[in-house]
ModelCIF file with pLDDT and N, C-alpha, C, O atoms, coordinates in Angstrom:
data_MODEL
#
_entry.id   MODEL 
#
_entity.id                         1 
_entity.type                       polymer 
_entity.pdbx_number_of_molecules   1 
#
_entity_poly.entity_id                      1 
_entity_poly.type                           'polypeptide(L)' 
_entity_poly.nstd_linkage                   no 
_entity_poly.nstd_monomer                   no 
_entity_poly.pdbx_seq_one_letter_code       HSIRETYIPDLPEPYRGKVRDVYNLSDNKIAIIATDRISAFDHILK 
_entity_poly.pdbx_seq_one_letter_code_can   HSIRETYIPDLPEPYRGKVRDVYNLSDNKIAIIATDRISAFDHILK 
_entity_poly.pdbx_strand_id                 A 
#
loop_
_entity_poly_seq.entity_id 
_entity_poly_seq.num 
_entity_poly_seq.mon_id 
_entity_poly_seq.hetero 
1 1  HIS n 
1 2  SER n 
1 3  ILE n 
1 4  ARG n 
1 5  GLU n 
1 6  THR n 
1 7  TYR n 
1 8  ILE n 
1 9  PRO n 
1 10 ASP n 
1 11 LEU n 
1 12 PRO n 
1 13 GLU n 
1 14 PRO n 
1 15 TYR n 
1 16 ARG n 
1 17 GLY n 
1 18 LYS n 
1 19 VAL n 
1 20 ARG n 
1 21 ASP n 
1 22 VAL n 
1 23 TYR n 
1 24 ASN n 
1 25 LEU n 
1 26 SER n 
1 27 ASP n 
1 28 ASN n 
1 29 LYS n 
1 30 ILE n 
1 31 ALA n 
1 32 ILE n 
1 33 ILE n 
1 34 ALA n 
1 35 THR n 
1 36 ASP n 
1 37 ARG n 
1 38 ILE n 
1 39 SER n 
1 40 ALA n 
1 41 PHE n 
1 42 ASP n 
1 43 HIS n 
1 44 ILE n 
1 45 LEU n 
1 46 LYS n 
#
_struct_asym.id          A 
_struct_asym.entity_id   1 
#
loop_
_ma_qa_metric.id 
_ma_qa_metric.mode 
_ma_qa_metric.name 
_ma_qa_metric.software_group_id 
_ma_qa_metric.type 
1 global pLDDT . pLDDT 
2 local  pLDDT . pLDDT 
#
_ma_qa_metric_global.metric_id      1 
_ma_qa_metric_global.metric_value   92.09 
_ma_qa_metric_global.model_id       1 
_ma_qa_metric_global.ordinal_id     1 
#
loop_
_ma_qa_metric_local.label_asym_id 
_ma_qa_metric_local.label_comp_id 
_ma_qa_metric_local.label_seq_id 
_ma_qa_metric_local.metric_id 
_ma_qa_metric_local.metric_value 
_ma_qa_metric_local.model_id 
_ma_qa_metric_local.ordinal_id 
A HIS 1  2 78.00 1 1  
A SER 2  2 90.00 1 2  
A ILE 3  2 94.00 1 3  
A ARG 4  2 93.00 1 4  
A GLU 5  2 93.00 1 5  
A THR 6  2 95.00 1 6  
A TYR 7  2 92.00 1 7  
A ILE 8  2 91.00 1 8  
A PRO 9  2 86.00 1 9  
A ASP 10 2 82.00 1 10 
A LEU 11 2 86.00 1 11 
A PRO 12 2 87.00 1 12 
A GLU 13 2 91.00 1 13 
A PRO 14 2 95.00 1 14 
A TYR 15 2 93.00 1 15 
A ARG 16 2 94.00 1 16 
A GLY 17 2 91.00 1 17 
A LYS 18 2 90.00 1 18 
A VAL 19 2 93.00 1 19 
A ARG 20 2 95.00 1 20 
A ASP 21 2 97.00 1 21 
A VAL 22 2 96.00 1 22 
A TYR 23 2 96.00 1 23 
A ASN 24 2 94.00 1 24 
A LEU 25 2 93.00 1 25 
A SER 26 2 90.00 1 26 
A ASP 27 2 89.00 1 27 
A ASN 28 2 93.00 1 28 
A LYS 29 2 95.00 1 29 
A ILE 30 2 96.00 1 30 
A ALA 31 2 97.00 1 31 
A ILE 32 2 97.00 1 32 
A ILE 33 2 97.00 1 33 
A ALA 34 2 97.00 1 34 
A THR 35 2 97.00 1 35 
A ASP 36 2 96.00 1 36 
A ARG 37 2 96.00 1 37 
A ILE 38 2 94.00 1 38 
A SER 39 2 91.00 1 39 
A ALA 40 2 89.00 1 40 
A PHE 41 2 87.00 1 41 
A ASP 42 2 83.00 1 42 
A HIS 43 2 89.00 1 43 
A ILE 44 2 92.00 1 44 
A LEU 45 2 94.00 1 45 
A LYS 46 2 92.00 1 46 
#
loop_
_atom_site.group_PDB 
_atom_site.id 
_atom_site.type_symbol 
_atom_site.label_atom_id 
_atom_site.label_alt_id 
_atom_site.label_comp_id 
_atom_site.label_asym_id 
_atom_site.label_entity_id 
_atom_site.label_seq_id 
_atom_site.pdbx_PDB_ins_code 
_atom_site.Cartn_x 
_atom_site.Cartn_y 
_atom_site.Cartn_z 
_atom_site.occupancy 
_atom_site.B_iso_or_equiv 
_atom_site.pdbx_formal_charge 
_atom_site.auth_seq_id 
_atom_site.auth_comp_id 
_atom_site.auth_asym_id 
_atom_site.auth_atom_id 
_atom_site.pdbx_PDB_model_num 
ATOM 1   N N  . HIS A 1 1  ? 0.687  -7.883  -22.073 1.00 78.00 ? 1  HIS A N  1 
ATOM 2   C CA . HIS A 1 1  ? 1.401  -6.635  -22.710 1.00 78.00 ? 1  HIS A CA 1 
ATOM 3   C C  . HIS A 1 1  ? 2.188  -5.743  -21.858 1.00 78.00 ? 1  HIS A C  1 
ATOM 4   O O  . HIS A 1 1  ? 3.169  -5.242  -22.409 1.00 78.00 ? 1  HIS A O  1 
ATOM 5   N N  . SER A 1 2  ? 1.968  -5.423  -20.593 1.00 90.00 ? 2  SER A N  1 
ATOM 6   C CA . SER A 1 2  ? 2.184  -4.746  -19.452 1.00 90.00 ? 2  SER A CA 1 
ATOM 7   C C  . SER A 1 2  ? 3.649  -5.347  -19.643 1.00 90.00 ? 2  SER A C  1 
ATOM 8   O O  . SER A 1 2  ? 3.837  -6.392  -20.265 1.00 90.00 ? 2  SER A O  1 
ATOM 9   N N  . ILE A 1 3  ? 4.584  -4.666  -19.107 1.00 94.00 ? 3  ILE A N  1 
ATOM 10  C CA . ILE A 1 3  ? 6.078  -4.368  -18.587 1.00 94.00 ? 3  ILE A CA 1 
ATOM 11  C C  . ILE A 1 3  ? 6.299  -5.174  -17.043 1.00 94.00 ? 3  ILE A C  1 
ATOM 12  O O  . ILE A 1 3  ? 6.474  -4.354  -16.142 1.00 94.00 ? 3  ILE A O  1 
ATOM 13  N N  . ARG A 1 4  ? 6.318  -6.378  -16.663 1.00 93.00 ? 4  ARG A N  1 
ATOM 14  C CA . ARG A 1 4  ? 6.066  -6.311  -15.364 1.00 93.00 ? 4  ARG A CA 1 
ATOM 15  C C  . ARG A 1 4  ? 7.777  -6.585  -15.014 1.00 93.00 ? 4  ARG A C  1 
ATOM 16  O O  . ARG A 1 4  ? 8.069  -6.621  -13.819 1.00 93.00 ? 4  ARG A O  1 
ATOM 17  N N  . GLU A 1 5  ? 8.891  -6.774  -16.029 1.00 93.00 ? 5  GLU A N  1 
ATOM 18  C CA . GLU A 1 5  ? 10.352 -6.384  -15.922 1.00 93.00 ? 5  GLU A CA 1 
ATOM 19  C C  . GLU A 1 5  ? 10.829 -6.497  -16.918 1.00 93.00 ? 5  GLU A C  1 
ATOM 20  O O  . GLU A 1 5  ? 10.027 -6.865  -17.777 1.00 93.00 ? 5  GLU A O  1 
ATOM 21  N N  . THR A 1 6  ? 12.295 -6.279  -17.418 1.00 95.00 ? 6  THR A N  1 
ATOM 22  C CA . THR A 1 6  ? 13.209 -6.365  -18.030 1.00 95.00 ? 6  THR A CA 1 
ATOM 23  C C  . THR A 1 6  ? 14.089 -6.959  -18.318 1.00 95.00 ? 6  THR A C  1 
ATOM 24  O O  . THR A 1 6  ? 14.760 -7.231  -17.322 1.00 95.00 ? 6  THR A O  1 
ATOM 25  N N  . TYR A 1 7  ? 14.618 -7.465  -19.508 1.00 92.00 ? 7  TYR A N  1 
ATOM 26  C CA . TYR A 1 7  ? 15.680 -7.985  -19.358 1.00 92.00 ? 7  TYR A CA 1 
ATOM 27  C C  . TYR A 1 7  ? 16.853 -8.043  -20.261 1.00 92.00 ? 7  TYR A C  1 
ATOM 28  O O  . TYR A 1 7  ? 17.184 -9.226  -20.172 1.00 92.00 ? 7  TYR A O  1 
ATOM 29  N N  . ILE A 1 8  ? 17.565 -7.550  -20.965 1.00 91.00 ? 8  ILE A N  1 
ATOM 30  C CA . ILE A 1 8  ? 18.837 -7.529  -21.656 1.00 91.00 ? 8  ILE A CA 1 
ATOM 31  C C  . ILE A 1 8  ? 20.243 -7.905  -21.679 1.00 91.00 ? 8  ILE A C  1 
ATOM 32  O O  . ILE A 1 8  ? 21.184 -7.361  -21.102 1.00 91.00 ? 8  ILE A O  1 
ATOM 33  N N  . PRO A 1 9  ? 20.228 -9.122  -22.589 1.00 86.00 ? 9  PRO A N  1 
ATOM 34  C CA . PRO A 1 9  ? 21.172 -9.821  -22.321 1.00 86.00 ? 9  PRO A CA 1 
ATOM 35  C C  . PRO A 1 9  ? 22.558 -9.400  -21.881 1.00 86.00 ? 9  PRO A C  1 
ATOM 36  O O  . PRO A 1 9  ? 23.393 -9.742  -21.045 1.00 86.00 ? 9  PRO A O  1 
ATOM 37  N N  . ASP A 1 10 ? 22.349 -8.121  -23.235 1.00 82.00 ? 10 ASP A N  1 
ATOM 38  C CA . ASP A 1 10 ? 24.164 -7.927  -22.725 1.00 82.00 ? 10 ASP A CA 1 
ATOM 39  C C  . ASP A 1 10 ? 25.178 -6.872  -22.055 1.00 82.00 ? 10 ASP A C  1 
ATOM 40  O O  . ASP A 1 10 ? 26.295 -6.395  -22.251 1.00 82.00 ? 10 ASP A O  1 
ATOM 41  N N  . LEU A 1 11 ? 23.821 -6.781  -20.901 1.00 86.00 ? 11 LEU A N  1 
ATOM 42  C CA . LEU A 1 11 ? 23.808 -5.763  -19.797 1.00 86.00 ? 11 LEU A CA 1 
ATOM 43  C C  . LEU A 1 11 ? 24.136 -6.824  -18.289 1.00 86.00 ? 11 LEU A C  1 
ATOM 44  O O  . LEU A 1 11 ? 24.126 -8.048  -18.162 1.00 86.00 ? 11 LEU A O  1 
ATOM 45  N N  . PRO A 1 12 ? 24.348 -5.958  -17.523 1.00 87.00 ? 12 PRO A N  1 
ATOM 46  C CA . PRO A 1 12 ? 23.971 -6.610  -15.868 1.00 87.00 ? 12 PRO A CA 1 
ATOM 47  C C  . PRO A 1 12 ? 23.275 -6.586  -15.580 1.00 87.00 ? 12 PRO A C  1 
ATOM 48  O O  . PRO A 1 12 ? 22.731 -5.485  -15.503 1.00 87.00 ? 12 PRO A O  1 
ATOM 49  N N  . GLU A 1 13 ? 22.342 -8.184  -14.973 1.00 91.00 ? 13 GLU A N  1 
ATOM 50  C CA . GLU A 1 13 ? 21.348 -7.752  -14.044 1.00 91.00 ? 13 GLU A CA 1 
ATOM 51  C C  . GLU A 1 13 ? 21.135 -6.185  -13.479 1.00 91.00 ? 13 GLU A C  1 
ATOM 52  O O  . GLU A 1 13 ? 22.046 -5.630  -12.863 1.00 91.00 ? 13 GLU A O  1 
ATOM 53  N N  . PRO A 1 14 ? 19.919 -5.554  -13.727 1.00 95.00 ? 14 PRO A N  1 
ATOM 54  C CA . PRO A 1 14 ? 19.724 -4.349  -13.914 1.00 95.00 ? 14 PRO A CA 1 
ATOM 55  C C  . PRO A 1 14 ? 19.343 -4.614  -11.964 1.00 95.00 ? 14 PRO A C  1 
ATOM 56  O O  . PRO A 1 14 ? 18.686 -5.622  -11.707 1.00 95.00 ? 14 PRO A O  1 
ATOM 57  N N  . TYR A 1 15 ? 19.693 -3.879  -10.985 1.00 93.00 ? 15 TYR A N  1 
ATOM 58  C CA . TYR A 1 15 ? 18.206 -3.620  -9.807  1.00 93.00 ? 15 TYR A CA 1 
ATOM 59  C C  . TYR A 1 15 ? 17.553 -2.359  -10.281 1.00 93.00 ? 15 TYR A C  1 
ATOM 60  O O  . TYR A 1 15 ? 17.598 -1.204  -10.706 1.00 93.00 ? 15 TYR A O  1 
ATOM 61  N N  . ARG A 1 16 ? 16.507 -4.117  -9.649  1.00 94.00 ? 16 ARG A N  1 
ATOM 62  C CA . ARG A 1 16 ? 15.179 -4.066  -9.537  1.00 94.00 ? 16 ARG A CA 1 
ATOM 63  C C  . ARG A 1 16 ? 14.027 -3.660  -7.693  1.00 94.00 ? 16 ARG A C  1 
ATOM 64  O O  . ARG A 1 16 ? 13.679 -4.372  -6.751  1.00 94.00 ? 16 ARG A O  1 
ATOM 65  N N  . GLY A 1 17 ? 13.807 -1.928  -8.100  1.00 91.00 ? 17 GLY A N  1 
ATOM 66  C CA . GLY A 1 17 ? 13.305 -1.031  -7.163  1.00 91.00 ? 17 GLY A CA 1 
ATOM 67  C C  . GLY A 1 17 ? 12.063 -2.134  -7.365  1.00 91.00 ? 17 GLY A C  1 
ATOM 68  O O  . GLY A 1 17 ? 11.979 -3.198  -7.978  1.00 91.00 ? 17 GLY A O  1 
ATOM 69  N N  . LYS A 1 18 ? 10.697 -0.973  -6.148  1.00 90.00 ? 18 LYS A N  1 
ATOM 70  C CA . LYS A 1 18 ? 9.642  -1.418  -6.551  1.00 90.00 ? 18 LYS A CA 1 
ATOM 71  C C  . LYS A 1 18 ? 8.601  -1.594  -7.427  1.00 90.00 ? 18 LYS A C  1 
ATOM 72  O O  . LYS A 1 18 ? 7.467  -2.070  -7.361  1.00 90.00 ? 18 LYS A O  1 
ATOM 73  N N  . VAL A 1 19 ? 9.692  -0.782  -8.760  1.00 93.00 ? 19 VAL A N  1 
ATOM 74  C CA . VAL A 1 19 ? 8.077  -0.154  -9.522  1.00 93.00 ? 19 VAL A CA 1 
ATOM 75  C C  . VAL A 1 19 ? 10.047 -0.081  -11.056 1.00 93.00 ? 19 VAL A C  1 
ATOM 76  O O  . VAL A 1 19 ? 10.145 -0.644  -12.146 1.00 93.00 ? 19 VAL A O  1 
ATOM 77  N N  . ARG A 1 20 ? 10.929 0.674   -10.449 1.00 95.00 ? 20 ARG A N  1 
ATOM 78  C CA . ARG A 1 20 ? 11.702 0.581   -11.485 1.00 95.00 ? 20 ARG A CA 1 
ATOM 79  C C  . ARG A 1 20 ? 12.851 -0.419  -11.730 1.00 95.00 ? 20 ARG A C  1 
ATOM 80  O O  . ARG A 1 20 ? 13.092 -1.123  -10.749 1.00 95.00 ? 20 ARG A O  1 
ATOM 81  N N  . ASP A 1 21 ? 13.859 -0.709  -13.174 1.00 97.00 ? 21 ASP A N  1 
ATOM 82  C CA . ASP A 1 21 ? 14.602 -1.176  -13.363 1.00 97.00 ? 21 ASP A CA 1 
ATOM 83  C C  . ASP A 1 21 ? 16.041 -0.614  -13.974 1.00 97.00 ? 21 ASP A C  1 
ATOM 84  O O  . ASP A 1 21 ? 16.238 -0.605  -15.189 1.00 97.00 ? 21 ASP A O  1 
ATOM 85  N N  . VAL A 1 22 ? 17.047 -0.137  -13.000 1.00 96.00 ? 22 VAL A N  1 
ATOM 86  C CA . VAL A 1 22 ? 18.100 0.036   -12.802 1.00 96.00 ? 22 VAL A CA 1 
ATOM 87  C C  . VAL A 1 22 ? 18.986 0.116   -13.978 1.00 96.00 ? 22 VAL A C  1 
ATOM 88  O O  . VAL A 1 22 ? 19.947 0.137   -13.208 1.00 96.00 ? 22 VAL A O  1 
ATOM 89  N N  . TYR A 1 23 ? 19.656 0.193   -15.370 1.00 96.00 ? 23 TYR A N  1 
ATOM 90  C CA . TYR A 1 23 ? 20.757 -0.624  -15.428 1.00 96.00 ? 23 TYR A CA 1 
ATOM 91  C C  . TYR A 1 23 ? 22.033 1.031   -15.914 1.00 96.00 ? 23 TYR A C  1 
ATOM 92  O O  . TYR A 1 23 ? 21.935 2.195   -16.301 1.00 96.00 ? 23 TYR A O  1 
ATOM 93  N N  . ASN A 1 24 ? 23.153 -0.042  -15.514 1.00 94.00 ? 24 ASN A N  1 
ATOM 94  C CA . ASN A 1 24 ? 24.282 1.105   -15.018 1.00 94.00 ? 24 ASN A CA 1 
ATOM 95  C C  . ASN A 1 24 ? 24.808 0.936   -16.835 1.00 94.00 ? 24 ASN A C  1 
ATOM 96  O O  . ASN A 1 24 ? 24.868 -0.075  -17.535 1.00 94.00 ? 24 ASN A O  1 
ATOM 97  N N  . LEU A 1 25 ? 25.015 1.882   -17.045 1.00 93.00 ? 25 LEU A N  1 
ATOM 98  C CA . LEU A 1 25 ? 25.732 2.483   -18.681 1.00 93.00 ? 25 LEU A CA 1 
ATOM 99  C C  . LEU A 1 25 ? 26.808 2.646   -18.467 1.00 93.00 ? 25 LEU A C  1 
ATOM 100 O O  . LEU A 1 25 ? 27.369 2.082   -19.407 1.00 93.00 ? 25 LEU A O  1 
ATOM 101 N N  . SER A 1 26 ? 27.534 3.048   -17.849 1.00 90.00 ? 26 SER A N  1 
ATOM 102 C CA . SER A 1 26 ? 28.764 3.964   -17.394 1.00 90.00 ? 26 SER A CA 1 
ATOM 103 C C  . SER A 1 26 ? 28.817 4.305   -15.968 1.00 90.00 ? 26 SER A C  1 
ATOM 104 O O  . SER A 1 26 ? 27.943 4.136   -15.118 1.00 90.00 ? 26 SER A O  1 
ATOM 105 N N  . ASP A 1 27 ? 30.538 5.050   -15.789 1.00 89.00 ? 27 ASP A N  1 
ATOM 106 C CA . ASP A 1 27 ? 30.830 5.155   -14.566 1.00 89.00 ? 27 ASP A CA 1 
ATOM 107 C C  . ASP A 1 27 ? 29.299 6.953   -14.102 1.00 89.00 ? 27 ASP A C  1 
ATOM 108 O O  . ASP A 1 27 ? 29.021 7.337   -12.966 1.00 89.00 ? 27 ASP A O  1 
ATOM 109 N N  . ASN A 1 28 ? 28.931 7.332   -14.956 1.00 93.00 ? 28 ASN A N  1 
ATOM 110 C CA . ASN A 1 28 ? 28.494 8.379   -14.157 1.00 93.00 ? 28 ASN A CA 1 
ATOM 111 C C  . ASN A 1 28 ? 27.430 8.392   -14.580 1.00 93.00 ? 28 ASN A C  1 
ATOM 112 O O  . ASN A 1 28 ? 26.767 9.317   -14.111 1.00 93.00 ? 28 ASN A O  1 
ATOM 113 N N  . LYS A 1 29 ? 26.593 7.402   -15.713 1.00 95.00 ? 29 LYS A N  1 
ATOM 114 C CA . LYS A 1 29 ? 25.281 7.841   -16.410 1.00 95.00 ? 29 LYS A CA 1 
ATOM 115 C C  . LYS A 1 29 ? 24.941 6.041   -15.927 1.00 95.00 ? 29 LYS A C  1 
ATOM 116 O O  . LYS A 1 29 ? 25.644 5.039   -15.799 1.00 95.00 ? 29 LYS A O  1 
ATOM 117 N N  . ILE A 1 30 ? 22.672 6.529   -15.688 1.00 96.00 ? 30 ILE A N  1 
ATOM 118 C CA . ILE A 1 30 ? 22.472 5.292   -15.752 1.00 96.00 ? 30 ILE A CA 1 
ATOM 119 C C  . ILE A 1 30 ? 20.777 5.113   -17.074 1.00 96.00 ? 30 ILE A C  1 
ATOM 120 O O  . ILE A 1 30 ? 20.438 6.042   -17.807 1.00 96.00 ? 30 ILE A O  1 
ATOM 121 N N  . ALA A 1 31 ? 20.359 4.341   -17.046 1.00 97.00 ? 31 ALA A N  1 
ATOM 122 C CA . ALA A 1 31 ? 19.250 4.020   -17.870 1.00 97.00 ? 31 ALA A CA 1 
ATOM 123 C C  . ALA A 1 31 ? 18.238 3.854   -16.543 1.00 97.00 ? 31 ALA A C  1 
ATOM 124 O O  . ALA A 1 31 ? 18.661 3.020   -15.743 1.00 97.00 ? 31 ALA A O  1 
ATOM 125 N N  . ILE A 1 32 ? 16.909 4.533   -16.144 1.00 97.00 ? 32 ILE A N  1 
ATOM 126 C CA . ILE A 1 32 ? 15.892 4.234   -15.152 1.00 97.00 ? 32 ILE A CA 1 
ATOM 127 C C  . ILE A 1 32 ? 14.823 3.892   -16.259 1.00 97.00 ? 32 ILE A C  1 
ATOM 128 O O  . ILE A 1 32 ? 14.537 4.599   -17.225 1.00 97.00 ? 32 ILE A O  1 
ATOM 129 N N  . ILE A 1 33 ? 14.153 2.353   -15.841 1.00 97.00 ? 33 ILE A N  1 
ATOM 130 C CA . ILE A 1 33 ? 13.102 2.312   -17.207 1.00 97.00 ? 33 ILE A CA 1 
ATOM 131 C C  . ILE A 1 33 ? 11.819 2.331   -15.890 1.00 97.00 ? 33 ILE A C  1 
ATOM 132 O O  . ILE A 1 33 ? 11.939 2.158   -14.677 1.00 97.00 ? 33 ILE A O  1 
ATOM 133 N N  . ALA A 1 34 ? 11.053 2.512   -16.425 1.00 97.00 ? 34 ALA A N  1 
ATOM 134 C CA . ALA A 1 34 ? 9.569  2.391   -15.755 1.00 97.00 ? 34 ALA A CA 1 
ATOM 135 C C  . ALA A 1 34 ? 8.817  1.472   -16.153 1.00 97.00 ? 34 ALA A C  1 
ATOM 136 O O  . ALA A 1 34 ? 8.112  1.692   -17.137 1.00 97.00 ? 34 ALA A O  1 
ATOM 137 N N  . THR A 1 35 ? 8.773  0.327   -15.562 1.00 97.00 ? 35 THR A N  1 
ATOM 138 C CA . THR A 1 35 ? 7.944  -1.121  -15.332 1.00 97.00 ? 35 THR A CA 1 
ATOM 139 C C  . THR A 1 35 ? 6.812  -0.298  -14.752 1.00 97.00 ? 35 THR A C  1 
ATOM 140 O O  . THR A 1 35 ? 6.656  0.648   -13.980 1.00 97.00 ? 35 THR A O  1 
ATOM 141 N N  . ASP A 1 36 ? 5.678  -1.614  -15.950 1.00 96.00 ? 36 ASP A N  1 
ATOM 142 C CA . ASP A 1 36 ? 4.143  -1.301  -15.049 1.00 96.00 ? 36 ASP A CA 1 
ATOM 143 C C  . ASP A 1 36 ? 3.844  -1.980  -13.841 1.00 96.00 ? 36 ASP A C  1 
ATOM 144 O O  . ASP A 1 36 ? 2.699  -2.262  -13.487 1.00 96.00 ? 36 ASP A O  1 
ATOM 145 N N  . ARG A 1 37 ? 5.510  -2.401  -12.822 1.00 96.00 ? 37 ARG A N  1 
ATOM 146 C CA . ARG A 1 37 ? 5.019  -2.946  -11.898 1.00 96.00 ? 37 ARG A CA 1 
ATOM 147 C C  . ARG A 1 37 ? 4.036  -1.244  -10.916 1.00 96.00 ? 37 ARG A C  1 
ATOM 148 O O  . ARG A 1 37 ? 4.071  -0.021  -11.053 1.00 96.00 ? 37 ARG A O  1 
ATOM 149 N N  . ILE A 1 38 ? 3.180  -2.411  -9.850  1.00 94.00 ? 38 ILE A N  1 
ATOM 150 C CA . ILE A 1 38 ? 2.431  -1.553  -8.615  1.00 94.00 ? 38 ILE A CA 1 
ATOM 151 C C  . ILE A 1 38 ? 2.857  -1.800  -7.874  1.00 94.00 ? 38 ILE A C  1 
ATOM 152 O O  . ILE A 1 38 ? 3.342  -2.906  -8.115  1.00 94.00 ? 38 ILE A O  1 
ATOM 153 N N  . SER A 1 39 ? 3.279  -1.266  -6.114  1.00 91.00 ? 39 SER A N  1 
ATOM 154 C CA . SER A 1 39 ? 3.213  -1.262  -5.293  1.00 91.00 ? 39 SER A CA 1 
ATOM 155 C C  . SER A 1 39 ? 2.557  -1.176  -4.208  1.00 91.00 ? 39 SER A C  1 
ATOM 156 O O  . SER A 1 39 ? 1.465  -0.726  -4.556  1.00 91.00 ? 39 SER A O  1 
ATOM 157 N N  . ALA A 1 40 ? 2.549  -1.308  -3.261  1.00 89.00 ? 40 ALA A N  1 
ATOM 158 C CA . ALA A 1 40 ? 1.511  -1.216  -1.622  1.00 89.00 ? 40 ALA A CA 1 
ATOM 159 C C  . ALA A 1 40 ? 2.045  -1.493  -0.750  1.00 89.00 ? 40 ALA A C  1 
ATOM 160 O O  . ALA A 1 40 ? 2.941  -2.337  -0.750  1.00 89.00 ? 40 ALA A O  1 
ATOM 161 N N  . PHE A 1 41 ? 1.551  -0.707  0.502   1.00 87.00 ? 41 PHE A N  1 
ATOM 162 C CA . PHE A 1 41 ? 2.296  -1.133  1.613   1.00 87.00 ? 41 PHE A CA 1 
ATOM 163 C C  . PHE A 1 41 ? 3.462  -1.350  1.326   1.00 87.00 ? 41 PHE A C  1 
ATOM 164 O O  . PHE A 1 41 ? 4.088  -1.089  2.353   1.00 87.00 ? 41 PHE A O  1 
ATOM 165 N N  . ASP A 1 42 ? 4.543  -1.853  0.122   1.00 83.00 ? 42 ASP A N  1 
ATOM 166 C CA . ASP A 1 42 ? 6.022  -1.604  0.781   1.00 83.00 ? 42 ASP A CA 1 
ATOM 167 C C  . ASP A 1 42 ? 5.901  -2.767  -0.276  1.00 83.00 ? 42 ASP A C  1 
ATOM 168 O O  . ASP A 1 42 ? 6.968  -2.947  -0.863  1.00 83.00 ? 42 ASP A O  1 
ATOM 169 N N  . HIS A 1 43 ? 4.496  -3.917  -0.822  1.00 89.00 ? 43 HIS A N  1 
ATOM 170 C CA . HIS A 1 43 ? 4.665  -4.613  -1.449  1.00 89.00 ? 43 HIS A CA 1 
ATOM 171 C C  . HIS A 1 43 ? 4.562  -4.658  -3.081  1.00 89.00 ? 43 HIS A C  1 
ATOM 172 O O  . HIS A 1 43 ? 3.608  -3.952  -3.410  1.00 89.00 ? 43 HIS A O  1 
ATOM 173 N N  . ILE A 1 44 ? 5.099  -5.142  -4.036  1.00 92.00 ? 44 ILE A N  1 
ATOM 174 C CA . ILE A 1 44 ? 5.216  -5.368  -5.212  1.00 92.00 ? 44 ILE A CA 1 
ATOM 175 C C  . ILE A 1 44 ? 3.741  -6.125  -5.567  1.00 92.00 ? 44 ILE A C  1 
ATOM 176 O O  . ILE A 1 44 ? 3.923  -7.342  -5.598  1.00 92.00 ? 44 ILE A O  1 
ATOM 177 N N  . LEU A 1 45 ? 2.597  -5.827  -5.793  1.00 94.00 ? 45 LEU A N  1 
ATOM 178 C CA . LEU A 1 45 ? 1.341  -6.779  -6.213  1.00 94.00 ? 45 LEU A CA 1 
ATOM 179 C C  . LEU A 1 45 ? 1.782  -7.752  -7.419  1.00 94.00 ? 45 LEU A C  1 
ATOM 180 O O  . LEU A 1 45 ? 2.636  -7.395  -8.230  1.00 94.00 ? 45 LEU A O  1 
ATOM 181 N N  . LYS A 1 46 ? 1.224  -8.849  -7.474  1.00 92.00 ? 46 LYS A N  1 
ATOM 182 C CA . LYS A 1 46 ? 1.696  -9.553  -8.594  1.00 92.00 ? 46 LYS A CA 1 
ATOM 183 C C  . LYS A 1 46 ? 1.296  -9.316  -10.164 1.00 92.00 ? 46 LYS A C  1 
ATOM 184 O O  . LYS A 1 46 ? 1.797  -10.018 -11.042 1.00 92.00 ? 46 LYS A O  1 
#
């Protein structure tokens, strides 16, 4: 049940960083979702 990525159909596709999915909520507010992804040497491990 680990969270590799998130998907919310009512919102635009998030920016996906190495670990976090970032959703725009308004002009001055974002939601930062800490997933269970892990990276090393700038690569996201599967």
